[in-house]
Amino acid sequence: METYSFLRELADSWVLLAMFGFFVCVILWAFRPGGSATYDEIAQIPLLRDGPMPQQKKKCADCKGCTSTKGASHVEA
């Protein structure tokens, strides 16, 4: 049997079956019950704001009521 004929028969039978099995596995993995939370989070990416998120105001550990976003300057609230 020639090499080409052998490879052609192999591709027409076993490789096709292996590719179909891989396809079925990918589909089953994508629709598994535990993946829905991940896919819901990924689906929200286009709806997020463009640009950086607003900076959170943190209170300094050494004063009361300080709402400074930088550690050196203290702004009393």
Protein backbone atom coordinates (compact mmCIF):
# COMPACT_ATOMS: atom_id res chain seq x y z
CA MET A 1 0.00 0.00 0.00
CA GLU A 2 1.32 3.44 -0.87
CA THR A 3 1.96 6.02 1.82
CA TYR A 4 -0.59 8.42 0.38
CA SER A 5 -3.34 5.79 0.28
CA PHE A 6 -2.60 4.73 3.85
CA LEU A 7 -2.65 8.29 5.16
CA ARG A 8 -5.85 9.03 3.22
CA GLU A 9 -7.62 6.03 4.76
CA LEU A 10 -6.35 6.96 8.21
CA ALA A 11 -7.59 10.54 7.84
CA ASP A 12 -10.96 9.40 6.51
CA SER A 13 -11.60 7.05 9.41
CA TRP A 14 -9.70 7.34 12.69
CA VAL A 15 -8.59 10.96 12.51
CA LEU A 16 -12.11 12.03 11.60
CA LEU A 17 -13.44 10.05 14.56
CA ALA A 18 -10.82 11.60 16.88
CA MET A 19 -11.65 15.14 15.70
CA PHE A 20 -15.37 14.51 16.24
CA GLY A 21 -14.65 13.20 19.75
CA PHE A 22 -12.58 16.30 20.52
CA PHE A 23 -15.40 18.52 19.26
CA VAL A 24 -17.96 16.77 21.47
CA CYS A 25 -15.65 17.08 24.50
CA VAL A 26 -15.21 20.83 23.93
CA ILE A 27 -18.97 21.34 23.64
CA LEU A 28 -19.64 19.36 26.82
CA TRP A 29 -16.92 21.29 28.67
CA ALA A 30 -18.32 24.65 27.54
CA PHE A 31 -21.84 23.81 28.74
CA ARG A 32 -20.87 22.22 32.05
CA PRO A 33 -22.89 23.43 35.06
CA GLY A 34 -19.92 24.90 36.94
CA GLY A 35 -18.87 27.21 34.12
CA SER A 36 -21.92 29.47 33.99
CA ALA A 37 -20.61 31.93 36.61
CA THR A 38 -17.36 32.37 34.68
CA TYR A 39 -19.17 32.91 31.39
CA ASP A 40 -21.61 35.40 32.99
CA GLU A 41 -18.64 37.42 34.29
CA ILE A 42 -16.92 37.34 30.89
CA ALA A 43 -20.14 38.42 29.17
CA GLN A 44 -20.17 41.64 31.23
CA ILE A 45 -16.74 42.81 29.98
CA PRO A 46 -18.09 44.92 27.07
CA LEU A 47 -20.47 46.71 29.44
CA LEU A 48 -17.77 47.93 31.83
CA ARG A 49 -16.72 51.57 31.93
CA ASP A 50 -13.99 52.75 29.66
CA GLY A 51 -11.07 54.17 31.58
CA PRO A 52 -9.81 53.68 35.11
CA MET A 53 -12.10 53.00 38.01
CA PRO A 54 -12.62 55.89 40.48
CA GLN A 55 -10.10 55.92 43.30
CA GLN A 56 -11.43 54.64 46.62
CA LYS A 57 -10.97 56.91 49.62
CA LYS A 58 -9.13 55.18 52.44
CA LYS A 59 -8.87 56.24 56.02
CA CYS A 60 -5.43 56.66 57.47
CA ALA A 61 -4.51 54.52 60.44
CA ASP A 62 -3.09 57.42 62.50
CA CYS A 63 -5.99 59.91 62.45
CA LYS A 64 -9.76 60.00 62.82
CA GLY A 65 -11.98 60.92 59.91
CA CYS A 66 -9.22 61.34 57.37
CA THR A 67 -10.50 60.66 53.87
CA SER A 68 -7.28 61.28 52.00
CA THR A 69 -6.43 59.15 49.00
CA LYS A 70 -2.74 59.84 49.55
CA GLY A 71 -0.88 58.87 52.68
CA ALA A 72 1.04 62.13 53.22
CA SER A 73 -1.74 64.76 53.07
CA HIS A 74 -4.51 64.64 55.67
CA VAL A 75 -7.89 66.08 54.79
CA GLU A 76 -10.38 66.08 57.61
CA ALA A 77 -13.92 65.13 56.68
